[in-house]
């Protein structure tokens, strides 16, 4: 049987941790036996992704994301829902599927795991036996799954990277503070990735690019105040991180540290997405106002400079593509090591929020 003809192998439902490990081993063996002599073109898992979910609904969505990433990230994914207050149990649905990509069979193992009772409080005891040897393990915390467990010593020892979304929690400032505390305590590993930080990458690039022009370069030392507009009514991690990034980049001799004012738009969308940024700056006898605004497809930068007996202005628009959850998580899986710029922005954001 050729590798191109391989089909999904499903193990169905099993109960108990030993049964899960046995079923995973049998699935792998079955797939390799089915491939015969063509298994050299087969790519099995290159990492283990543990997905911690708050409930079944978020686990279902996370499973769909993992399946969509499979062609680029051959993975053993363990999608976990824990109920420490429920009856003791370990139930799992398992599958292994392969698809043809670039002349290879790229395979993904998916374990949908529900854990009840005291075992749900101890990530290492449940997940540890399911990790693949000699491949990195990442933890993706979906939605507002409890950070106390995701950032526990057990999780920090098991995983090389922990992916969170600080905007998924009702108090983003407290969430960022918790992440900052762990980052300061554990050092470079495990690295922390934040989807809220990745979402504002385009905004950071546009804001930084403005001051690359000769006409505005001098203003970067004199940014006085910044308004950060965002969707919703509650605080936004994206707004806090943008302000933290700006202050951390300007925290140097001869530069002014601007005040940061997050401004909610008061709408029903509580996602905390950035909607616009206004920077007011001075340089010698001139003043500049820089406004960046936009939506899911385009961003506009408007600059006006007053002083020296004249006023100048310019406006330009660029197309953008807002990354979806598959692209965001996939990009985090490709990262190597910690992001020092995020760490600096995190510290500044937490300090500003106090």
C-alpha atoms as a PDB file:
ATOM      1  CA  UNK A   1       0.000   0.000   0.000  1.00  0.00           C
ATOM      2  CA  UNK A   2       1.546   3.328  -1.041  1.00  0.00           C
ATOM      3  CA  UNK A   3       1.835   6.297   1.312  1.00  0.00           C
ATOM      4  CA  UNK A   4      -0.445   8.315  -0.942  1.00  0.00           C
ATOM      5  CA  UNK A   5      -3.254   5.886  -0.253  1.00  0.00           C
ATOM      6  CA  UNK A   6      -3.070   6.068   3.522  1.00  0.00           C
ATOM      7  CA  UNK A   7      -6.329   6.850   5.218  1.00  0.00           C
ATOM      8  CA  UNK A   8      -7.312   8.116   8.643  1.00  0.00           C
ATOM      9  CA  UNK A   9      -6.930   5.532  11.384  1.00  0.00           C
ATOM     10  CA  UNK A  10      -9.307   6.035  14.294  1.00  0.00           C
ATOM     11  CA  UNK A  11      -8.994   4.312  17.616  1.00  0.00           C
ATOM     12  CA  UNK A  12     -12.318   5.537  18.922  1.00  0.00           C
ATOM     13  CA  UNK A  13     -13.031   6.040  22.594  1.00  0.00           C
ATOM     14  CA  UNK A  14     -10.941   4.719  25.497  1.00  0.00           C
ATOM     15  CA  UNK A  15     -11.033   5.134  29.272  1.00  0.00           C
ATOM     16  CA  UNK A  16      -8.065   5.409  31.618  1.00  0.00           C
ATOM     17  CA  UNK A  17      -4.564   6.771  31.123  1.00  0.00           C
ATOM     18  CA  UNK A  18      -2.972   3.385  30.404  1.00  0.00           C
ATOM     19  CA  UNK A  19      -5.574   2.698  27.710  1.00  0.00           C
ATOM     20  CA  UNK A  20      -4.820   6.075  26.099  1.00  0.00           C
ATOM     21  CA  UNK A  21      -1.077   5.421  25.885  1.00  0.00           C
ATOM     22  CA  UNK A  22      -1.659   1.913  24.528  1.00  0.00           C
ATOM     23  CA  UNK A  23      -4.114   3.156  21.906  1.00  0.00           C
ATOM     24  CA  UNK A  24      -1.697   5.861  20.732  1.00  0.00           C
ATOM     25  CA  UNK A  25       1.084   3.311  20.312  1.00  0.00           C
ATOM     26  CA  UNK A  26      -1.234   0.995  18.390  1.00  0.00           C
ATOM     27  CA  UNK A  27      -2.377   3.816  16.081  1.00  0.00           C
ATOM     28  CA  UNK A  28       1.208   4.680  15.198  1.00  0.00           C
ATOM     29  CA  UNK A  29       2.095   1.069  14.596  1.00  0.00           C
ATOM     30  CA  UNK A  30      -0.984   0.554  12.434  1.00  0.00           C
ATOM     31  CA  UNK A  31      -0.159   3.579  10.291  1.00  0.00           C
ATOM     32  CA  UNK A  32       3.455   2.506   9.808  1.00  0.00           C
ATOM     33  CA  UNK A  33       2.407  -1.036   8.897  1.00  0.00           C
ATOM     34  CA  UNK A  34      -0.112   0.331   6.400  1.00  0.00           C
ATOM     35  CA  UNK A  35       2.584   2.462   4.776  1.00  0.00           C
ATOM     36  CA  UNK A  36       4.817  -0.522   4.093  1.00  0.00           C
ATOM     37  CA  UNK A  37       8.038   0.472   2.315  1.00  0.00           C
ATOM     38  CA  UNK A  38       6.837   4.037   1.656  1.00  0.00           C
ATOM     39  CA  UNK A  39       7.032   5.288   5.248  1.00  0.00           C
ATOM     40  CA  UNK A  40      10.238   7.219   4.482  1.00  0.00           C
ATOM     41  CA  UNK A  41       8.020   9.948   3.008  1.00  0.00           C
ATOM     42  CA  UNK A  42       5.848  10.077   6.101  1.00  0.00           C
ATOM     43  CA  UNK A  43       6.196  12.929   8.615  1.00  0.00           C
ATOM     44  CA  UNK A  44       4.878  12.054  12.039  1.00  0.00           C
ATOM     45  CA  UNK A  45       4.663  14.510  14.910  1.00  0.00           C
ATOM     46  CA  UNK A  46       7.491  17.028  15.304  1.00  0.00           C
ATOM     47  CA  UNK A  47       6.042  18.525  18.486  1.00  0.00           C
ATOM     48  CA  UNK A  48       3.499  17.853  21.189  1.00  0.00           C
ATOM     49  CA  UNK A  49       0.856  20.534  21.634  1.00  0.00           C
ATOM     50  CA  UNK A  50      -1.066  20.414  24.892  1.00  0.00           C
ATOM     51  CA  UNK A  51      -4.255  22.468  24.618  1.00  0.00           C
ATOM     52  CA  UNK A  52      -5.807  23.440  27.954  1.00  0.00           C
ATOM     53  CA  UNK A  53      -9.484  24.378  27.562  1.00  0.00           C
ATOM     54  CA  UNK A  54     -12.044  25.794  29.964  1.00  0.00           C
ATOM     55  CA  UNK A  55     -14.955  23.718  28.654  1.00  0.00           C
ATOM     56  CA  UNK A  56     -16.139  21.368  25.896  1.00  0.00           C
ATOM     57  CA  UNK A  57     -17.169  24.209  23.590  1.00  0.00           C
ATOM     58  CA  UNK A  58     -13.705  25.771  23.608  1.00  0.00           C
ATOM     59  CA  UNK A  59     -12.160  22.308  23.251  1.00  0.00           C
ATOM     60  CA  UNK A  60     -14.232  21.662  20.133  1.00  0.00           C
ATOM     61  CA  UNK A  61     -13.071  24.923  18.542  1.00  0.00           C
ATOM     62  CA  UNK A  62      -9.468  24.276  19.544  1.00  0.00           C
ATOM     63  CA  UNK A  63      -9.601  20.825  17.958  1.00  0.00           C
ATOM     64  CA  UNK A  64     -10.716  22.399  14.680  1.00  0.00           C
ATOM     65  CA  UNK A  65      -7.811  24.863  14.820  1.00  0.00           C
ATOM     66  CA  UNK A  66      -5.323  22.057  15.434  1.00  0.00           C
ATOM     67  CA  UNK A  67      -6.673  20.053  12.507  1.00  0.00           C
ATOM     68  CA  UNK A  68      -6.345  23.070  10.193  1.00  0.00           C
ATOM     69  CA  UNK A  69      -2.705  23.513  11.236  1.00  0.00           C
ATOM     70  CA  UNK A  70      -1.828  19.872  10.644  1.00  0.00           C
ATOM     71  CA  UNK A  71      -0.387  20.250   7.136  1.00  0.00           C
ATOM     72  CA  UNK A  72       2.278  22.708   8.344  1.00  0.00           C
ATOM     73  CA  UNK A  73       2.746  21.414  11.864  1.00  0.00           C
ATOM     74  CA  UNK A  74       2.768  17.602  12.211  1.00  0.00           C
ATOM     75  CA  UNK A  75       1.648  17.387  15.804  1.00  0.00           C
ATOM     76  CA  UNK A  76       0.502  15.164  18.600  1.00  0.00           C
ATOM     77  CA  UNK A  77      -2.228  17.410  20.010  1.00  0.00           C
ATOM     78  CA  UNK A  78      -3.709  16.727  23.437  1.00  0.00           C
ATOM     79  CA  UNK A  79      -6.873  18.799  23.813  1.00  0.00           C
ATOM     80  CA  UNK A  80      -7.639  18.737  27.511  1.00  0.00           C
ATOM     81  CA  UNK A  81     -10.729  19.704  29.509  1.00  0.00           C
ATOM     82  CA  UNK A  82     -10.324  19.338  33.260  1.00  0.00           C
ATOM     83  CA  UNK A  83     -13.051  19.214  35.895  1.00  0.00           C
ATOM     84  CA  UNK A  84     -11.339  18.956  39.289  1.00  0.00           C
ATOM     85  CA  UNK A  85     -14.657  19.154  41.131  1.00  0.00           C
ATOM     86  CA  UNK A  86     -16.263  16.349  39.130  1.00  0.00           C
ATOM     87  CA  UNK A  87     -16.039  12.568  39.548  1.00  0.00           C
ATOM     88  CA  UNK A  88     -12.664  10.927  38.977  1.00  0.00           C
ATOM     89  CA  UNK A  89     -12.326   9.818  35.357  1.00  0.00           C
ATOM     90  CA  UNK A  90     -10.083   9.953  32.289  1.00  0.00           C
ATOM     91  CA  UNK A  91     -11.913   9.634  28.972  1.00  0.00           C
ATOM     92  CA  UNK A  92     -10.361  10.090  25.548  1.00  0.00           C
ATOM     93  CA  UNK A  93     -11.256  10.127  21.870  1.00  0.00           C
ATOM     94  CA  UNK A  94      -8.248   9.521  19.639  1.00  0.00           C
ATOM     95  CA  UNK A  95      -7.516   9.793  15.950  1.00  0.00           C
ATOM     96  CA  UNK A  96      -4.525   9.768  13.644  1.00  0.00           C
ATOM     97  CA  UNK A  97      -4.857  11.238  10.170  1.00  0.00           C
ATOM     98  CA  UNK A  98      -2.441  11.824   7.308  1.00  0.00           C
ATOM     99  CA  UNK A  99      -2.682  14.024   4.248  1.00  0.00           C
ATOM    100  CA  UNK A 100      -0.475  14.461   1.188  1.00  0.00           C
ATOM    101  CA  UNK A 101       1.523  17.713   1.351  1.00  0.00           C
ATOM    102  CA  UNK A 102       4.493  18.511  -0.872  1.00  0.00           C
ATOM    103  CA  UNK A 103       5.044  14.904  -1.818  1.00  0.00           C
ATOM    104  CA  UNK A 104       4.961  13.750   1.794  1.00  0.00           C
ATOM    105  CA  UNK A 105       2.397  12.217   4.080  1.00  0.00           C
ATOM    106  CA  UNK A 106       2.010  14.664   6.977  1.00  0.00           C
ATOM    107  CA  UNK A 107       0.375  13.063  10.001  1.00  0.00           C
ATOM    108  CA  UNK A 108      -1.376  14.405  13.072  1.00  0.00           C
ATOM    109  CA  UNK A 109      -2.394  12.606  16.233  1.00  0.00           C
ATOM    110  CA  UNK A 110      -5.326  14.142  18.090  1.00  0.00           C
ATOM    111  CA  UNK A 111      -6.263  13.197  21.643  1.00  0.00           C
ATOM    112  CA  UNK A 112      -9.445  14.758  23.014  1.00  0.00           C
ATOM    113  CA  UNK A 113      -9.093  14.235  26.738  1.00  0.00           C
ATOM    114  CA  UNK A 114     -11.581  14.843  29.549  1.00  0.00           C
ATOM    115  CA  UNK A 115     -10.206  14.516  33.077  1.00  0.00           C
ATOM    116  CA  UNK A 116     -12.252  14.680  36.272  1.00  0.00           C
ATOM    117  CA  UNK A 117     -11.398  14.631  39.959  1.00  0.00           C
ATOM    118  CA  UNK A 118      -8.053  15.267  41.622  1.00  0.00           C
ATOM    119  CA  UNK A 119      -6.102  14.269  38.501  1.00  0.00           C
ATOM    120  CA  UNK A 120      -7.411  17.395  36.779  1.00  0.00           C
ATOM    121  CA  UNK A 121      -5.377  19.495  39.213  1.00  0.00           C
ATOM    122  CA  UNK A 122      -2.091  17.868  38.218  1.00  0.00           C
ATOM    123  CA  UNK A 123      -1.251  18.463  34.573  1.00  0.00           C
ATOM    124  CA  UNK A 124       2.037  16.618  34.698  1.00  0.00           C
ATOM    125  CA  UNK A 125       0.621  13.327  35.971  1.00  0.00           C
ATOM    126  CA  UNK A 126      -1.954  13.178  33.167  1.00  0.00           C
ATOM    127  CA  UNK A 127      -0.111  14.715  30.240  1.00  0.00           C
ATOM    128  CA  UNK A 128       3.423  13.544  31.010  1.00  0.00           C
ATOM    129  CA  UNK A 129       2.919   9.921  29.872  1.00  0.00           C
ATOM    130  CA  UNK A 130       1.385  11.144  26.597  1.00  0.00           C
ATOM    131  CA  UNK A 131       4.290  13.387  25.553  1.00  0.00           C
ATOM    132  CA  UNK A 132       6.467  12.232  22.688  1.00  0.00           C
ATOM    133  CA  UNK A 133      10.120  11.663  23.603  1.00  0.00           C
ATOM    134  CA  UNK A 134      12.772  13.976  22.166  1.00  0.00           C
ATOM    135  CA  UNK A 135      10.344  16.484  20.631  1.00  0.00           C
ATOM    136  CA  UNK A 136       9.377  19.867  22.119  1.00  0.00           C
ATOM    137  CA  UNK A 137       6.145  20.255  24.055  1.00  0.00           C
ATOM    138  CA  UNK A 138       4.085  23.458  23.840  1.00  0.00           C
ATOM    139  CA  UNK A 139       1.084  24.443  25.944  1.00  0.00           C
ATOM    140  CA  UNK A 140      -1.714  26.516  24.413  1.00  0.00           C
ATOM    141  CA  UNK A 141      -4.112  27.970  26.963  1.00  0.00           C
ATOM    142  CA  UNK A 142      -7.432  28.419  25.139  1.00  0.00           C
ATOM    143  CA  UNK A 143      -9.881  31.134  26.120  1.00  0.00           C
ATOM    144  CA  UNK A 144      -9.913  31.874  29.829  1.00  0.00           C
ATOM    145  CA  UNK A 145      -8.718  28.498  31.107  1.00  0.00           C
ATOM    146  CA  UNK A 146      -7.315  28.957  34.641  1.00  0.00           C
ATOM    147  CA  UNK A 147      -3.833  30.473  34.556  1.00  0.00           C
ATOM    148  CA  UNK A 148      -3.042  29.109  38.004  1.00  0.00           C
ATOM    149  CA  UNK A 149      -2.709  25.658  36.463  1.00  0.00           C
ATOM    150  CA  UNK A 150      -1.296  26.752  33.107  1.00  0.00           C
ATOM    151  CA  UNK A 151       1.509  28.657  34.848  1.00  0.00           C
ATOM    152  CA  UNK A 152       2.015  26.096  37.617  1.00  0.00           C
ATOM    153  CA  UNK A 153       5.456  24.541  38.262  1.00  0.00           C
ATOM    154  CA  UNK A 154       4.245  21.297  36.640  1.00  0.00           C
ATOM    155  CA  UNK A 155       3.377  23.048  33.384  1.00  0.00           C
ATOM    156  CA  UNK A 156       6.538  25.140  33.416  1.00  0.00           C
ATOM    157  CA  UNK A 157       8.675  22.010  33.731  1.00  0.00           C
ATOM    158  CA  UNK A 158       6.855  20.108  30.988  1.00  0.00           C
ATOM    159  CA  UNK A 159       6.676  22.733  28.247  1.00  0.00           C
ATOM    160  CA  UNK A 160       9.189  24.739  26.255  1.00  0.00           C
ATOM    161  CA  UNK A 161       6.603  27.323  25.252  1.00  0.00           C
ATOM    162  CA  UNK A 162       3.319  28.465  26.784  1.00  0.00           C
ATOM    163  CA  UNK A 163       0.842  30.303  24.559  1.00  0.00           C
ATOM    164  CA  UNK A 164      -1.792  32.482  26.223  1.00  0.00           C
ATOM    165  CA  UNK A 165      -4.310  35.090  25.079  1.00  0.00           C
ATOM    166  CA  UNK A 166      -4.283  37.813  27.712  1.00  0.00           C
ATOM    167  CA  UNK A 167      -7.308  39.483  26.109  1.00  0.00           C
ATOM    168  CA  UNK A 168      -9.448  36.386  26.738  1.00  0.00           C
ATOM    169  CA  UNK A 169      -9.571  37.067  30.477  1.00  0.00           C
ATOM    170  CA  UNK A 170     -11.996  39.500  32.154  1.00  0.00           C
ATOM    171  CA  UNK A 171      -9.114  41.380  33.830  1.00  0.00           C
ATOM    172  CA  UNK A 172      -6.301  41.696  31.269  1.00  0.00           C
ATOM    173  CA  UNK A 173      -4.180  43.848  33.583  1.00  0.00           C
ATOM    174  CA  UNK A 174      -4.163  41.148  36.272  1.00  0.00           C
ATOM    175  CA  UNK A 175      -3.458  38.510  33.623  1.00  0.00           C
ATOM    176  CA  UNK A 176      -0.468  40.440  32.287  1.00  0.00           C
ATOM    177  CA  UNK A 177       0.785  40.887  35.851  1.00  0.00           C
ATOM    178  CA  UNK A 178       0.579  37.115  36.433  1.00  0.00           C
ATOM    179  CA  UNK A 179       2.454  36.398  33.202  1.00  0.00           C
ATOM    180  CA  UNK A 180       5.088  39.023  34.056  1.00  0.00           C
ATOM    181  CA  UNK A 181       5.615  37.460  37.472  1.00  0.00           C
ATOM    182  CA  UNK A 182       6.217  34.022  35.962  1.00  0.00           C
ATOM    183  CA  UNK A 183       8.460  35.410  33.217  1.00  0.00           C
ATOM    184  CA  UNK A 184      10.637  37.165  35.781  1.00  0.00           C
ATOM    185  CA  UNK A 185      10.836  34.058  37.979  1.00  0.00           C
ATOM    186  CA  UNK A 186      11.629  31.327  35.446  1.00  0.00           C
ATOM    187  CA  UNK A 187      13.950  33.149  33.059  1.00  0.00           C
ATOM    188  CA  UNK A 188      14.119  32.399  29.317  1.00  0.00           C
ATOM    189  CA  UNK A 189      12.431  28.973  29.413  1.00  0.00           C
ATOM    190  CA  UNK A 190       9.687  28.172  29.064  1.00  0.00           C
ATOM    191  CA  UNK A 191       9.072  31.035  26.671  1.00  0.00           C
ATOM    192  CA  UNK A 192       5.727  32.827  26.904  1.00  0.00           C
ATOM    193  CA  UNK A 193       3.813  33.695  23.750  1.00  0.00           C
ATOM    194  CA  UNK A 194       0.787  35.996  23.898  1.00  0.00           C
ATOM    195  CA  UNK A 195      -1.759  36.130  21.073  1.00  0.00           C
ATOM    196  CA  UNK A 196      -2.740  39.666  22.134  1.00  0.00           C
ATOM    197  CA  UNK A 197       0.862  40.755  21.535  1.00  0.00           C
ATOM    198  CA  UNK A 198       0.948  39.069  18.148  1.00  0.00           C
ATOM    199  CA  UNK A 199      -2.304  40.778  17.106  1.00  0.00           C
ATOM    200  CA  UNK A 200      -0.781  44.253  17.533  1.00  0.00           C
ATOM    201  CA  UNK A 201       2.305  43.548  15.463  1.00  0.00           C
ATOM    202  CA  UNK A 202       0.984  45.519  12.497  1.00  0.00           C
ATOM    203  CA  UNK A 203       0.130  48.518  14.690  1.00  0.00           C
ATOM    204  CA  UNK A 204       3.620  48.500  16.186  1.00  0.00           C
ATOM    205  CA  UNK A 205       5.233  48.324  12.776  1.00  0.00           C
ATOM    206  CA  UNK A 206       3.203  51.257  11.443  1.00  0.00           C
ATOM    207  CA  UNK A 207       3.895  53.407  14.497  1.00  0.00           C
ATOM    208  CA  UNK A 208       7.613  52.710  14.319  1.00  0.00           C
ATOM    209  CA  UNK A 209       7.780  53.285  10.578  1.00  0.00           C
ATOM    210  CA  UNK A 210       6.391  56.825  10.890  1.00  0.00           C
ATOM    211  CA  UNK A 211       9.497  57.993  12.702  1.00  0.00           C
ATOM    212  CA  UNK A 212      11.856  56.463  10.144  1.00  0.00           C
ATOM    213  CA  UNK A 213      11.247  59.435   7.827  1.00  0.00           C
ATOM    214  CA  UNK A 214      13.735  62.347   8.028  1.00  0.00           C
ATOM    215  CA  UNK A 215      10.910  64.860   8.607  1.00  0.00           C
ATOM    216  CA  UNK A 216       9.671  63.081  11.737  1.00  0.00           C
ATOM    217  CA  UNK A 217      12.774  61.388  13.121  1.00  0.00           C
ATOM    218  CA  UNK A 218      13.431  64.177  15.625  1.00  0.00           C
ATOM    219  CA  UNK A 219       9.930  63.881  17.091  1.00  0.00           C
ATOM    220  CA  UNK A 220      10.498  60.373  18.455  1.00  0.00           C
ATOM    221  CA  UNK A 221      12.375  61.831  21.432  1.00  0.00           C
ATOM    222  CA  UNK A 222       9.511  64.168  22.249  1.00  0.00           C
ATOM    223  CA  UNK A 223       6.390  61.991  22.206  1.00  0.00           C
ATOM    224  CA  UNK A 224       4.313  63.544  24.978  1.00  0.00           C
ATOM    225  CA  UNK A 225       1.068  61.613  25.106  1.00  0.00           C
ATOM    226  CA  UNK A 226      -0.570  58.715  23.343  1.00  0.00           C
ATOM    227  CA  UNK A 227      -4.217  57.723  22.997  1.00  0.00           C
ATOM    228  CA  UNK A 228      -4.935  54.076  22.256  1.00  0.00           C
ATOM    229  CA  UNK A 229      -8.497  53.373  21.120  1.00  0.00           C
ATOM    230  CA  UNK A 230      -9.885  49.860  21.366  1.00  0.00           C
ATOM    231  CA  UNK A 231     -13.140  47.937  20.987  1.00  0.00           C
ATOM    232  CA  UNK A 232     -15.405  47.274  23.950  1.00  0.00           C
ATOM    233  CA  UNK A 233     -15.851  48.687  27.416  1.00  0.00           C
ATOM    234  CA  UNK A 234     -13.529  46.646  29.627  1.00  0.00           C
ATOM    235  CA  UNK A 235      -9.715  47.059  29.662  1.00  0.00           C
ATOM    236  CA  UNK A 236      -7.787  45.747  26.672  1.00  0.00           C
ATOM    237  CA  UNK A 237      -4.560  43.740  26.845  1.00  0.00           C
ATOM    238  CA  UNK A 238      -3.740  44.892  23.330  1.00  0.00           C
ATOM    239  CA  UNK A 239      -3.990  48.537  24.383  1.00  0.00           C
ATOM    240  CA  UNK A 240      -1.916  47.906  27.510  1.00  0.00           C
ATOM    241  CA  UNK A 241       0.755  46.033  25.554  1.00  0.00           C
ATOM    242  CA  UNK A 242       0.929  48.702  22.850  1.00  0.00           C
ATOM    243  CA  UNK A 243       1.464  51.361  25.502  1.00  0.00           C
ATOM    244  CA  UNK A 244       4.001  49.155  27.266  1.00  0.00           C
ATOM    245  CA  UNK A 245       5.859  48.527  24.019  1.00  0.00           C
ATOM    246  CA  UNK A 246       6.069  52.247  23.257  1.00  0.00           C
ATOM    247  CA  UNK A 247       7.242  53.194  26.737  1.00  0.00           C
ATOM    248  CA  UNK A 248       9.809  50.387  26.821  1.00  0.00           C
ATOM    249  CA  UNK A 249      11.259  51.494  23.472  1.00  0.00           C
ATOM    250  CA  UNK A 250      11.465  55.131  24.609  1.00  0.00           C
ATOM    251  CA  UNK A 251      12.932  54.401  28.032  1.00  0.00           C
ATOM    252  CA  UNK A 252      16.397  55.741  27.273  1.00  0.00           C
ATOM    253  CA  UNK A 253      18.459  58.855  28.067  1.00  0.00           C
ATOM    254  CA  UNK A 254      17.282  62.019  26.320  1.00  0.00           C
ATOM    255  CA  UNK A 255      13.839  60.630  25.497  1.00  0.00           C
ATOM    256  CA  UNK A 256      10.534  61.639  26.999  1.00  0.00           C
ATOM    257  CA  UNK A 257       8.323  58.915  28.492  1.00  0.00           C
ATOM    258  CA  UNK A 258       4.823  59.616  27.181  1.00  0.00           C
ATOM    259  CA  UNK A 259       1.597  59.248  29.088  1.00  0.00           C
ATOM    260  CA  UNK A 260      -0.630  56.475  27.715  1.00  0.00           C
ATOM    261  CA  UNK A 261      -4.421  56.820  27.712  1.00  0.00           C
ATOM    262  CA  UNK A 262      -6.449  53.736  26.695  1.00  0.00           C
ATOM    263  CA  UNK A 263      -9.850  54.786  25.313  1.00  0.00           C
ATOM    264  CA  UNK A 264     -12.645  52.181  24.908  1.00  0.00           C
ATOM    265  CA  UNK A 265     -15.122  52.783  22.103  1.00  0.00           C
ATOM    266  CA  UNK A 266     -18.030  51.632  24.284  1.00  0.00           C
ATOM    267  CA  UNK A 267     -19.290  49.171  21.683  1.00  0.00           C
ATOM    268  CA  UNK A 268     -20.653  45.676  22.183  1.00  0.00           C
ATOM    269  CA  UNK A 269     -17.544  43.945  20.841  1.00  0.00           C
ATOM    270  CA  UNK A 270     -15.525  43.104  23.957  1.00  0.00           C
ATOM    271  CA  UNK A 271     -12.574  41.623  22.093  1.00  0.00           C
ATOM    272  CA  UNK A 272     -10.246  44.497  22.970  1.00  0.00           C
ATOM    273  CA  UNK A 273      -9.070  44.897  19.352  1.00  0.00           C
ATOM    274  CA  UNK A 274      -7.066  48.035  18.645  1.00  0.00           C
ATOM    275  CA  UNK A 275      -8.963  50.574  16.549  1.00  0.00           C
ATOM    276  CA  UNK A 276      -6.578  53.501  16.426  1.00  0.00           C
ATOM    277  CA  UNK A 277      -3.594  55.286  17.917  1.00  0.00           C
ATOM    278  CA  UNK A 278      -2.927  59.024  18.273  1.00  0.00           C
ATOM    279  CA  UNK A 279       0.553  60.285  19.164  1.00  0.00           C
ATOM    280  CA  UNK A 280       1.282  63.929  20.022  1.00  0.00           C
ATOM    281  CA  UNK A 281       4.927  64.983  19.942  1.00  0.00           C
ATOM    282  CA  UNK A 282       7.124  68.077  19.930  1.00  0.00           C
ATOM    283  CA  UNK A 283      10.553  68.841  18.484  1.00  0.00           C
ATOM    284  CA  UNK A 284      12.149  72.239  18.936  1.00  0.00           C
ATOM    285  CA  UNK A 285       9.500  74.785  17.944  1.00  0.00           C
ATOM    286  CA  UNK A 286       7.292  72.333  16.064  1.00  0.00           C
ATOM    287  CA  UNK A 287       4.468  70.031  17.080  1.00  0.00           C
ATOM    288  CA  UNK A 288       3.271  66.851  15.362  1.00  0.00           C
ATOM    289  CA  UNK A 289       0.092  64.819  15.552  1.00  0.00           C
ATOM    290  CA  UNK A 290       0.181  61.290  14.179  1.00  0.00           C
ATOM    291  CA  UNK A 291      -3.032  59.298  13.911  1.00  0.00           C
ATOM    292  CA  UNK A 292      -3.201  55.686  12.790  1.00  0.00           C
ATOM    293  CA  UNK A 293      -6.641  54.172  12.279  1.00  0.00           C
ATOM    294  CA  UNK A 294      -8.121  51.300  10.374  1.00  0.00           C
ATOM    295  CA  UNK A 295     -10.126  48.119  10.166  1.00  0.00           C
ATOM    296  CA  UNK A 296      -9.622  44.508   9.152  1.00  0.00           C
ATOM    297  CA  UNK A 297      -8.441  45.328   5.614  1.00  0.00           C
ATOM    298  CA  UNK A 298      -6.674  48.690   5.667  1.00  0.00           C
ATOM    299  CA  UNK A 299      -4.889  51.159   7.937  1.00  0.00           C
ATOM    300  CA  UNK A 300      -4.515  54.901   7.396  1.00  0.00           C
ATOM    301  CA  UNK A 301      -1.770  57.088   8.836  1.00  0.00           C
ATOM    302  CA  UNK A 302      -2.401  60.847   8.988  1.00  0.00           C
ATOM    303  CA  UNK A 303       0.424  63.194  10.001  1.00  0.00           C
ATOM    304  CA  UNK A 304       0.241  66.942  10.584  1.00  0.00           C
ATOM    305  CA  UNK A 305       3.175  69.127  11.652  1.00  0.00           C
ATOM    306  CA  UNK A 306       2.811  72.731  12.817  1.00  0.00           C
ATOM    307  CA  UNK A 307       5.480  75.322  13.544  1.00  0.00           C
ATOM    308  CA  UNK A 308       8.185  77.400  11.890  1.00  0.00           C
ATOM    309  CA  UNK A 309       5.451  79.573  10.345  1.00  0.00           C
ATOM    310  CA  UNK A 310       3.936  76.728   8.340  1.00  0.00           C
ATOM    311  CA  UNK A 311       1.785  73.614   8.551  1.00  0.00           C
ATOM    312  CA  UNK A 312       2.361  70.412   6.605  1.00  0.00           C
ATOM    313  CA  UNK A 313       0.271  67.265   6.426  1.00  0.00           C
ATOM    314  CA  UNK A 314       0.316  63.887   4.746  1.00  0.00           C
ATOM    315  CA  UNK A 315      -1.940  60.835   4.641  1.00  0.00           C
ATOM    316  CA  UNK A 316      -1.336  57.342   3.357  1.00  0.00           C
ATOM    317  CA  UNK A 317      -3.170  54.020   3.476  1.00  0.00           C
ATOM    318  CA  UNK A 318      -1.855  50.471   3.398  1.00  0.00           C
ATOM    319  CA  UNK A 319      -3.675  47.194   3.011  1.00  0.00           C
ATOM    320  CA  UNK A 320      -3.529  44.740   5.890  1.00  0.00           C
ATOM    321  CA  UNK A 321      -4.635  41.206   6.555  1.00  0.00           C
ATOM    322  CA  UNK A 322      -5.808  40.525  10.079  1.00  0.00           C
ATOM    323  CA  UNK A 323      -4.507  37.070  11.039  1.00  0.00           C
ATOM    324  CA  UNK A 324      -7.023  34.511  12.220  1.00  0.00           C
ATOM    325  CA  UNK A 325      -6.556  32.146  15.121  1.00  0.00           C
ATOM    326  CA  UNK A 326      -4.951  29.439  12.948  1.00  0.00           C
ATOM    327  CA  UNK A 327      -2.283  31.864  11.709  1.00  0.00           C
ATOM    328  CA  UNK A 328      -1.707  33.310  15.183  1.00  0.00           C
ATOM    329  CA  UNK A 329      -1.193  29.975  16.914  1.00  0.00           C
ATOM    330  CA  UNK A 330       0.770  28.595  13.969  1.00  0.00           C
ATOM    331  CA  UNK A 331       3.168  31.543  14.141  1.00  0.00           C
ATOM    332  CA  UNK A 332       3.685  30.926  17.855  1.00  0.00           C
ATOM    333  CA  UNK A 333       4.545  27.283  17.188  1.00  0.00           C
ATOM    334  CA  UNK A 334       7.287  28.420  14.813  1.00  0.00           C
ATOM    335  CA  UNK A 335       8.891  30.777  17.337  1.00  0.00           C
ATOM    336  CA  UNK A 336      12.207  29.815  18.884  1.00  0.00           C
ATOM    337  CA  UNK A 337      12.902  30.982  22.415  1.00  0.00           C
ATOM    338  CA  UNK A 338      11.611  34.024  24.297  1.00  0.00           C
ATOM    339  CA  UNK A 339      10.759  37.424  22.815  1.00  0.00           C
ATOM    340  CA  UNK A 340      12.739  40.093  24.720  1.00  0.00           C
ATOM    341  CA  UNK A 341      10.636  42.879  23.209  1.00  0.00           C
ATOM    342  CA  UNK A 342       7.461  41.285  24.578  1.00  0.00           C
ATOM    343  CA  UNK A 343       9.101  40.847  27.978  1.00  0.00           C
ATOM    344  CA  UNK A 344      10.036  44.540  28.081  1.00  0.00           C
ATOM    345  CA  UNK A 345       6.567  45.619  26.928  1.00  0.00           C
ATOM    346  CA  UNK A 346       4.994  43.343  29.527  1.00  0.00           C
ATOM    347  CA  UNK A 347       6.960  44.899  32.390  1.00  0.00           C
ATOM    348  CA  UNK A 348       6.171  48.425  31.194  1.00  0.00           C
ATOM    349  CA  UNK A 349       2.482  47.611  30.677  1.00  0.00           C
ATOM    350  CA  UNK A 350       2.141  46.164  34.170  1.00  0.00           C
ATOM    351  CA  UNK A 351       3.895  49.174  35.669  1.00  0.00           C
ATOM    352  CA  UNK A 352       1.664  51.598  33.772  1.00  0.00           C
ATOM    353  CA  UNK A 353      -1.516  49.725  34.773  1.00  0.00           C
ATOM    354  CA  UNK A 354      -0.787  49.977  38.509  1.00  0.00           C
END
